[in-house]
Amino acid sequence: MKSDIVHQSVYELVHSEDREELQRQLMWNSHLTPDQSQLTLQEALHGDQTPLERNFTVRFRCLLDNTSGFLRLDVRGKIKILHGQNRKTEEAPLALFAVCTPFGPPSLLELPQKEVMYKSKHKLDLSLVSMDQK
């Protein structure tokens, strides 16, 4: 983990235009349908329905260089109870457990040095004209 993101709010790392949507995604009841509106948190956590699953994109500050650019990430996960917290409250805190992947194809500069692609040429009817030796 990079030391420049420790103890920072996730809202400081997210693009200012995406903060409201991120906050909505973190609310456990934001995806309830009208027929699920009466569900309690406990019912949502233990039920077969999936109102706690999340799938959205967000622009995160790119910390790999000094360009202060943003990288769009695809976030897929689920709201769950965060166990192991020494809290005095009766209700356990919730957290988003997710996998974040860059959105879109990687640039050619990010491909590994070992070439895993081959080149081919085709006619307009997609018949093969030529192909690399690979």
N, C-alpha and C. Protein backbone atom coordinates (compact mmCIF):
# COMPACT_ATOMS: atom_id res chain seq x y z
N MET A 1 0.85 -1.17 0.00
CA MET A 1 0.00 0.00 0.00
C MET A 1 0.89 1.23 0.00
N LYS A 2 0.52 2.18 -0.81
CA LYS A 2 1.32 3.40 -0.88
C LYS A 2 1.06 4.25 0.35
N SER A 3 2.12 4.84 0.89
CA SER A 3 1.99 5.63 2.11
C SER A 3 1.23 6.94 1.88
N ASP A 4 1.13 7.40 0.64
CA ASP A 4 0.42 8.66 0.40
C ASP A 4 -1.10 8.51 0.38
N ILE A 5 -1.63 7.28 0.51
CA ILE A 5 -3.08 7.12 0.57
C ILE A 5 -3.55 6.63 1.94
N VAL A 6 -2.61 6.32 2.82
CA VAL A 6 -2.98 5.86 4.16
C VAL A 6 -3.64 7.01 4.92
N HIS A 7 -4.71 6.71 5.62
CA HIS A 7 -5.45 7.66 6.45
C HIS A 7 -6.13 8.76 5.63
N GLN A 8 -6.34 8.52 4.34
CA GLN A 8 -7.08 9.48 3.52
C GLN A 8 -8.47 8.93 3.26
N SER A 9 -9.43 9.81 3.21
CA SER A 9 -10.79 9.42 2.86
C SER A 9 -10.83 9.01 1.40
N VAL A 10 -11.63 8.01 1.09
CA VAL A 10 -11.77 7.57 -0.29
C VAL A 10 -12.34 8.69 -1.15
N TYR A 11 -13.10 9.58 -0.54
CA TYR A 11 -13.67 10.70 -1.28
C TYR A 11 -12.60 11.67 -1.78
N GLU A 12 -11.44 11.70 -1.12
CA GLU A 12 -10.34 12.56 -1.59
C GLU A 12 -9.66 11.96 -2.81
N LEU A 13 -9.78 10.65 -3.00
CA LEU A 13 -9.14 9.98 -4.12
C LEU A 13 -10.05 9.85 -5.34
N VAL A 14 -11.35 10.06 -5.14
CA VAL A 14 -12.33 9.93 -6.21
C VAL A 14 -12.57 11.31 -6.84
N HIS A 15 -12.79 11.31 -8.13
CA HIS A 15 -13.09 12.55 -8.85
C HIS A 15 -14.30 13.23 -8.20
N SER A 16 -14.25 14.55 -8.10
CA SER A 16 -15.31 15.29 -7.40
C SER A 16 -16.69 15.06 -8.02
N GLU A 17 -16.76 14.82 -9.32
CA GLU A 17 -18.05 14.57 -9.97
C GLU A 17 -18.60 13.18 -9.68
N ASP A 18 -17.77 12.27 -9.17
CA ASP A 18 -18.20 10.89 -8.89
C ASP A 18 -18.48 10.65 -7.41
N ARG A 19 -18.23 11.63 -6.56
CA ARG A 19 -18.37 11.42 -5.11
C ARG A 19 -19.81 11.14 -4.69
N GLU A 20 -20.75 11.86 -5.27
CA GLU A 20 -22.16 11.66 -4.91
C GLU A 20 -22.62 10.24 -5.29
N GLU A 21 -22.22 9.78 -6.48
CA GLU A 21 -22.59 8.42 -6.91
C GLU A 21 -21.92 7.38 -6.02
N LEU A 22 -20.67 7.58 -5.64
CA LEU A 22 -20.00 6.65 -4.74
C LEU A 22 -20.72 6.58 -3.40
N GLN A 23 -21.11 7.71 -2.88
CA GLN A 23 -21.83 7.74 -1.61
C GLN A 23 -23.16 6.97 -1.72
N ARG A 24 -23.85 7.13 -2.85
CA ARG A 24 -25.09 6.39 -3.06
C ARG A 24 -24.84 4.89 -3.12
N GLN A 25 -23.76 4.48 -3.76
CA GLN A 25 -23.43 3.06 -3.88
C GLN A 25 -23.09 2.44 -2.52
N LEU A 26 -22.57 3.24 -1.60
CA LEU A 26 -22.19 2.73 -0.28
C LEU A 26 -23.36 2.61 0.68
N MET A 27 -24.50 3.19 0.35
CA MET A 27 -25.67 3.07 1.21
C MET A 27 -26.31 1.70 0.97
N TRP A 28 -26.57 0.95 2.03
CA TRP A 28 -27.04 -0.43 1.87
C TRP A 28 -28.40 -0.52 1.20
N ASN A 29 -29.25 0.49 1.36
CA ASN A 29 -30.62 0.41 0.84
C ASN A 29 -30.83 1.18 -0.46
N SER A 30 -29.76 1.61 -1.11
CA SER A 30 -29.91 2.44 -2.31
C SER A 30 -30.37 1.66 -3.54
N HIS A 31 -30.28 0.34 -3.52
CA HIS A 31 -30.67 -0.47 -4.68
C HIS A 31 -31.92 -1.30 -4.44
N LEU A 32 -32.68 -0.96 -3.42
CA LEU A 32 -33.90 -1.71 -3.13
C LEU A 32 -34.97 -1.34 -4.16
N THR A 33 -35.62 -2.35 -4.70
CA THR A 33 -36.73 -2.12 -5.61
C THR A 33 -37.97 -1.81 -4.78
N PRO A 34 -39.03 -1.29 -5.42
CA PRO A 34 -40.24 -0.98 -4.64
C PRO A 34 -40.79 -2.16 -3.84
N ASP A 35 -40.72 -3.38 -4.39
CA ASP A 35 -41.22 -4.53 -3.64
C ASP A 35 -40.27 -4.97 -2.53
N GLN A 36 -39.03 -4.45 -2.53
CA GLN A 36 -38.07 -4.76 -1.47
C GLN A 36 -37.98 -3.64 -0.45
N SER A 37 -38.75 -2.59 -0.59
CA SER A 37 -38.60 -1.40 0.24
C SER A 37 -38.85 -1.67 1.73
N GLN A 38 -39.53 -2.74 2.06
CA GLN A 38 -39.81 -3.06 3.46
C GLN A 38 -38.72 -3.94 4.08
N LEU A 39 -37.71 -4.34 3.30
CA LEU A 39 -36.63 -5.18 3.83
C LEU A 39 -35.84 -4.45 4.90
N THR A 40 -35.50 -5.17 5.97
CA THR A 40 -34.59 -4.62 6.96
C THR A 40 -33.17 -4.99 6.54
N LEU A 41 -32.20 -4.39 7.17
CA LEU A 41 -30.80 -4.71 6.87
C LEU A 41 -30.51 -6.18 7.12
N GLN A 42 -30.99 -6.73 8.22
CA GLN A 42 -30.75 -8.14 8.53
C GLN A 42 -31.36 -9.05 7.47
N GLU A 43 -32.56 -8.73 7.00
CA GLU A 43 -33.18 -9.54 5.95
C GLU A 43 -32.39 -9.45 4.65
N ALA A 44 -31.89 -8.27 4.33
CA ALA A 44 -31.09 -8.09 3.11
C ALA A 44 -29.77 -8.85 3.20
N LEU A 45 -29.17 -8.87 4.39
CA LEU A 45 -27.88 -9.56 4.57
C LEU A 45 -28.02 -11.07 4.47
N HIS A 46 -29.15 -11.60 4.90
CA HIS A 46 -29.30 -13.05 4.97
C HIS A 46 -30.26 -13.61 3.93
N GLY A 47 -30.84 -12.77 3.10
CA GLY A 47 -31.81 -13.22 2.10
C GLY A 47 -31.15 -13.69 0.82
N ASP A 48 -31.98 -14.26 -0.05
CA ASP A 48 -31.51 -14.74 -1.35
C ASP A 48 -31.47 -13.63 -2.39
N GLN A 49 -32.13 -12.53 -2.11
CA GLN A 49 -32.15 -11.42 -3.06
C GLN A 49 -30.79 -10.72 -3.04
N THR A 50 -30.53 -9.91 -4.06
CA THR A 50 -29.20 -9.30 -4.19
C THR A 50 -29.23 -7.77 -4.16
N PRO A 51 -29.92 -7.15 -3.21
CA PRO A 51 -29.90 -5.68 -3.20
C PRO A 51 -28.58 -5.11 -2.71
N LEU A 52 -27.69 -5.95 -2.17
CA LEU A 52 -26.42 -5.45 -1.64
C LEU A 52 -25.27 -5.60 -2.63
N GLU A 53 -25.52 -6.19 -3.80
CA GLU A 53 -24.48 -6.30 -4.81
C GLU A 53 -24.30 -4.96 -5.50
N ARG A 54 -23.06 -4.65 -5.84
CA ARG A 54 -22.75 -3.38 -6.48
C ARG A 54 -21.91 -3.62 -7.73
N ASN A 55 -22.18 -2.81 -8.76
CA ASN A 55 -21.43 -2.85 -10.00
C ASN A 55 -21.50 -1.45 -10.60
N PHE A 56 -20.40 -0.69 -10.53
CA PHE A 56 -20.39 0.68 -11.02
C PHE A 56 -18.98 1.07 -11.41
N THR A 57 -18.86 2.22 -12.08
CA THR A 57 -17.54 2.74 -12.43
C THR A 57 -17.33 4.06 -11.70
N VAL A 58 -16.06 4.33 -11.41
CA VAL A 58 -15.70 5.55 -10.70
C VAL A 58 -14.31 5.98 -11.18
N ARG A 59 -14.07 7.28 -11.20
CA ARG A 59 -12.75 7.80 -11.58
C ARG A 59 -11.92 8.00 -10.32
N PHE A 60 -10.79 7.29 -10.24
CA PHE A 60 -9.88 7.37 -9.10
C PHE A 60 -8.64 8.14 -9.49
N ARG A 61 -8.10 8.88 -8.56
CA ARG A 61 -6.86 9.62 -8.80
C ARG A 61 -5.74 8.62 -9.08
N CYS A 62 -5.01 8.85 -10.15
CA CYS A 62 -3.88 8.00 -10.52
C CYS A 62 -2.65 8.44 -9.75
N LEU A 63 -2.13 7.57 -8.90
CA LEU A 63 -0.99 7.92 -8.06
C LEU A 63 0.32 7.32 -8.58
N LEU A 64 0.28 6.75 -9.77
CA LEU A 64 1.47 6.11 -10.31
C LEU A 64 2.50 7.11 -10.82
N ASP A 65 2.05 8.30 -11.15
CA ASP A 65 2.97 9.33 -11.63
C ASP A 65 2.49 10.68 -11.09
N ASN A 66 3.11 11.73 -11.51
CA ASN A 66 2.77 13.06 -11.00
C ASN A 66 1.83 13.83 -11.92
N THR A 67 1.09 13.15 -12.76
CA THR A 67 0.23 13.84 -13.72
C THR A 67 -1.08 14.30 -13.09
N SER A 68 -1.43 13.81 -11.93
CA SER A 68 -2.69 14.14 -11.27
C SER A 68 -3.89 13.80 -12.13
N GLY A 69 -3.75 12.77 -12.95
CA GLY A 69 -4.84 12.32 -13.79
C GLY A 69 -5.75 11.36 -13.04
N PHE A 70 -6.80 10.94 -13.71
CA PHE A 70 -7.75 10.01 -13.12
C PHE A 70 -7.85 8.77 -13.99
N LEU A 71 -8.08 7.64 -13.35
CA LEU A 71 -8.22 6.36 -14.02
C LEU A 71 -9.61 5.83 -13.72
N ARG A 72 -10.36 5.48 -14.75
CA ARG A 72 -11.71 4.95 -14.55
C ARG A 72 -11.60 3.48 -14.14
N LEU A 73 -12.24 3.15 -13.02
CA LEU A 73 -12.22 1.79 -12.50
C LEU A 73 -13.61 1.18 -12.51
N ASP A 74 -13.67 -0.10 -12.83
CA ASP A 74 -14.90 -0.88 -12.75
C ASP A 74 -14.90 -1.53 -11.37
N VAL A 75 -15.92 -1.24 -10.56
CA VAL A 75 -16.01 -1.73 -9.18
C VAL A 75 -17.13 -2.76 -9.12
N ARG A 76 -16.81 -4.00 -8.73
CA ARG A 76 -17.79 -5.08 -8.60
C ARG A 76 -17.63 -5.70 -7.23
N GLY A 77 -18.72 -5.71 -6.47
CA GLY A 77 -18.63 -6.28 -5.14
C GLY A 77 -19.96 -6.35 -4.44
N LYS A 78 -19.90 -6.39 -3.11
CA LYS A 78 -21.10 -6.55 -2.31
C LYS A 78 -20.91 -5.86 -0.96
N ILE A 79 -21.98 -5.27 -0.45
CA ILE A 79 -21.98 -4.69 0.89
C ILE A 79 -22.10 -5.84 1.88
N LYS A 80 -21.19 -5.90 2.85
CA LYS A 80 -21.20 -6.97 3.85
C LYS A 80 -20.86 -6.39 5.21
N ILE A 81 -21.07 -7.20 6.23
CA ILE A 81 -20.69 -6.81 7.59
C ILE A 81 -19.18 -6.87 7.71
N LEU A 82 -18.60 -5.87 8.33
CA LEU A 82 -17.16 -5.83 8.58
C LEU A 82 -16.90 -6.40 9.96
N HIS A 83 -16.52 -7.66 10.01
CA HIS A 83 -16.28 -8.34 11.28
C HIS A 83 -14.91 -7.98 11.84
N GLY A 84 -14.74 -8.20 13.13
CA GLY A 84 -13.44 -8.00 13.77
C GLY A 84 -13.19 -6.59 14.25
N GLN A 85 -14.20 -5.76 14.22
CA GLN A 85 -14.04 -4.39 14.71
C GLN A 85 -14.45 -4.34 16.17
N ASN A 86 -13.64 -3.78 17.02
CA ASN A 86 -13.94 -3.67 18.45
C ASN A 86 -14.82 -2.46 18.68
N ARG A 87 -16.08 -2.61 18.37
CA ARG A 87 -17.05 -1.53 18.50
C ARG A 87 -17.94 -1.79 19.70
N LYS A 88 -18.35 -0.74 20.36
CA LYS A 88 -19.24 -0.85 21.51
C LYS A 88 -20.71 -0.85 21.09
N THR A 89 -20.99 -0.49 19.82
CA THR A 89 -22.36 -0.42 19.36
C THR A 89 -22.89 -1.83 19.08
N GLU A 90 -24.20 -1.96 19.10
CA GLU A 90 -24.83 -3.25 18.84
C GLU A 90 -24.74 -3.64 17.38
N GLU A 91 -24.79 -2.67 16.48
CA GLU A 91 -24.78 -2.95 15.06
C GLU A 91 -23.36 -2.99 14.53
N ALA A 92 -23.01 -4.06 13.83
CA ALA A 92 -21.69 -4.17 13.23
C ALA A 92 -21.60 -3.23 12.03
N PRO A 93 -20.43 -2.64 11.78
CA PRO A 93 -20.30 -1.73 10.64
C PRO A 93 -20.36 -2.49 9.31
N LEU A 94 -20.82 -1.80 8.29
CA LEU A 94 -20.89 -2.37 6.95
C LEU A 94 -19.72 -1.85 6.12
N ALA A 95 -19.32 -2.64 5.13
CA ALA A 95 -18.23 -2.25 4.25
C ALA A 95 -18.51 -2.79 2.85
N LEU A 96 -17.94 -2.14 1.86
CA LEU A 96 -18.03 -2.62 0.48
C LEU A 96 -16.79 -3.47 0.21
N PHE A 97 -17.01 -4.75 -0.04
CA PHE A 97 -15.94 -5.66 -0.44
C PHE A 97 -16.02 -5.78 -1.95
N ALA A 98 -14.99 -5.32 -2.65
CA ALA A 98 -15.08 -5.24 -4.11
C ALA A 98 -13.74 -5.49 -4.77
N VAL A 99 -13.82 -5.84 -6.03
CA VAL A 99 -12.66 -5.96 -6.90
C VAL A 99 -12.73 -4.80 -7.87
N CYS A 100 -11.64 -4.05 -7.97
CA CYS A 100 -11.58 -2.90 -8.87
C CYS A 100 -10.63 -3.22 -10.01
N THR A 101 -11.08 -3.04 -11.22
CA THR A 101 -10.23 -3.28 -12.38
C THR A 101 -10.30 -2.07 -13.30
N PRO A 102 -9.22 -1.77 -13.99
CA PRO A 102 -9.25 -0.64 -14.93
C PRO A 102 -10.34 -0.86 -15.96
N PHE A 103 -11.05 0.20 -16.29
CA PHE A 103 -12.15 0.13 -17.24
C PHE A 103 -11.61 0.32 -18.64
N GLY A 104 -11.92 -0.61 -19.53
CA GLY A 104 -11.49 -0.48 -20.92
C GLY A 104 -10.22 -1.27 -21.17
N PRO A 105 -9.81 -1.32 -22.42
CA PRO A 105 -8.62 -2.12 -22.78
C PRO A 105 -7.33 -1.45 -22.30
N PRO A 106 -6.33 -2.24 -21.94
CA PRO A 106 -5.05 -1.64 -21.52
C PRO A 106 -4.37 -1.00 -22.71
N SER A 107 -3.63 0.05 -22.44
CA SER A 107 -2.90 0.71 -23.53
C SER A 107 -1.77 -0.21 -23.98
N LEU A 108 -1.28 0.04 -25.16
CA LEU A 108 -0.20 -0.80 -25.68
C LEU A 108 1.04 -0.71 -24.83
N LEU A 109 1.23 0.40 -24.12
CA LEU A 109 2.41 0.55 -23.27
C LEU A 109 2.33 -0.33 -22.04
N GLU A 110 1.12 -0.73 -21.64
CA GLU A 110 0.96 -1.53 -20.43
C GLU A 110 1.04 -3.03 -20.69
N LEU A 111 1.11 -3.44 -21.96
CA LEU A 111 1.20 -4.86 -22.27
C LEU A 111 2.56 -5.40 -21.85
N PRO A 112 2.63 -6.64 -21.43
CA PRO A 112 3.92 -7.20 -21.04
C PRO A 112 4.88 -7.26 -22.22
N GLN A 113 6.17 -7.29 -21.90
CA GLN A 113 7.18 -7.30 -22.95
C GLN A 113 7.09 -8.55 -23.82
N LYS A 114 6.74 -9.68 -23.22
CA LYS A 114 6.61 -10.91 -24.00
C LYS A 114 5.35 -10.77 -24.86
N GLU A 115 5.51 -10.74 -26.13
CA GLU A 115 4.39 -10.48 -27.02
C GLU A 115 3.46 -11.68 -27.09
N VAL A 116 2.22 -11.45 -26.78
CA VAL A 116 1.23 -12.52 -26.78
C VAL A 116 0.21 -12.30 -27.90
N MET A 117 0.47 -11.32 -28.75
CA MET A 117 -0.45 -11.03 -29.84
C MET A 117 0.22 -11.38 -31.16
N TYR A 118 -0.61 -11.61 -32.15
CA TYR A 118 -0.09 -11.79 -33.49
C TYR A 118 -0.84 -10.84 -34.42
N LYS A 119 -0.27 -10.59 -35.57
CA LYS A 119 -0.88 -9.66 -36.52
C LYS A 119 -1.37 -10.43 -37.74
N SER A 120 -2.49 -10.00 -38.25
CA SER A 120 -3.02 -10.61 -39.47
C SER A 120 -3.71 -9.53 -40.30
N LYS A 121 -3.75 -9.76 -41.60
CA LYS A 121 -4.44 -8.87 -42.52
C LYS A 121 -5.57 -9.65 -43.18
N HIS A 122 -6.71 -8.95 -43.36
CA HIS A 122 -7.89 -9.59 -43.93
C HIS A 122 -8.49 -8.70 -45.01
N LYS A 123 -9.20 -9.35 -45.94
CA LYS A 123 -9.99 -8.62 -46.92
C LYS A 123 -11.28 -8.17 -46.24
N LEU A 124 -12.06 -7.37 -46.93
CA LEU A 124 -13.32 -6.88 -46.37
C LEU A 124 -14.30 -8.02 -46.06
N ASP A 125 -14.18 -9.14 -46.75
CA ASP A 125 -15.05 -10.29 -46.45
C ASP A 125 -14.46 -11.17 -45.35
N LEU A 126 -13.41 -10.66 -44.67
CA LEU A 126 -12.70 -11.31 -43.56
C LEU A 126 -11.89 -12.53 -43.97
N SER A 127 -11.66 -12.75 -45.26
CA SER A 127 -10.78 -13.83 -45.64
C SER A 127 -9.33 -13.41 -45.39
N LEU A 128 -8.52 -14.36 -44.99
CA LEU A 128 -7.14 -14.09 -44.56
C LEU A 128 -6.26 -13.74 -45.75
N VAL A 129 -5.45 -12.68 -45.61
CA VAL A 129 -4.50 -12.27 -46.63
C VAL A 129 -3.10 -12.67 -46.19
N SER A 130 -2.73 -12.32 -44.94
CA SER A 130 -1.41 -12.70 -44.42
C SER A 130 -1.47 -12.77 -42.90
N MET A 131 -0.46 -13.47 -42.32
CA MET A 131 -0.41 -13.61 -40.86
C MET A 131 1.05 -13.72 -40.42
N ASP A 132 1.35 -13.23 -39.19
CA ASP A 132 2.69 -13.38 -38.63
C ASP A 132 3.07 -14.85 -38.53
N GLN A 133 4.36 -15.11 -38.39
CA GLN A 133 4.85 -16.47 -38.26
C GLN A 133 4.41 -17.12 -36.95
N LYS A 134 4.04 -16.33 -35.96
CA LYS A 134 3.63 -16.86 -34.66
C LYS A 134 2.37 -17.66 -34.81
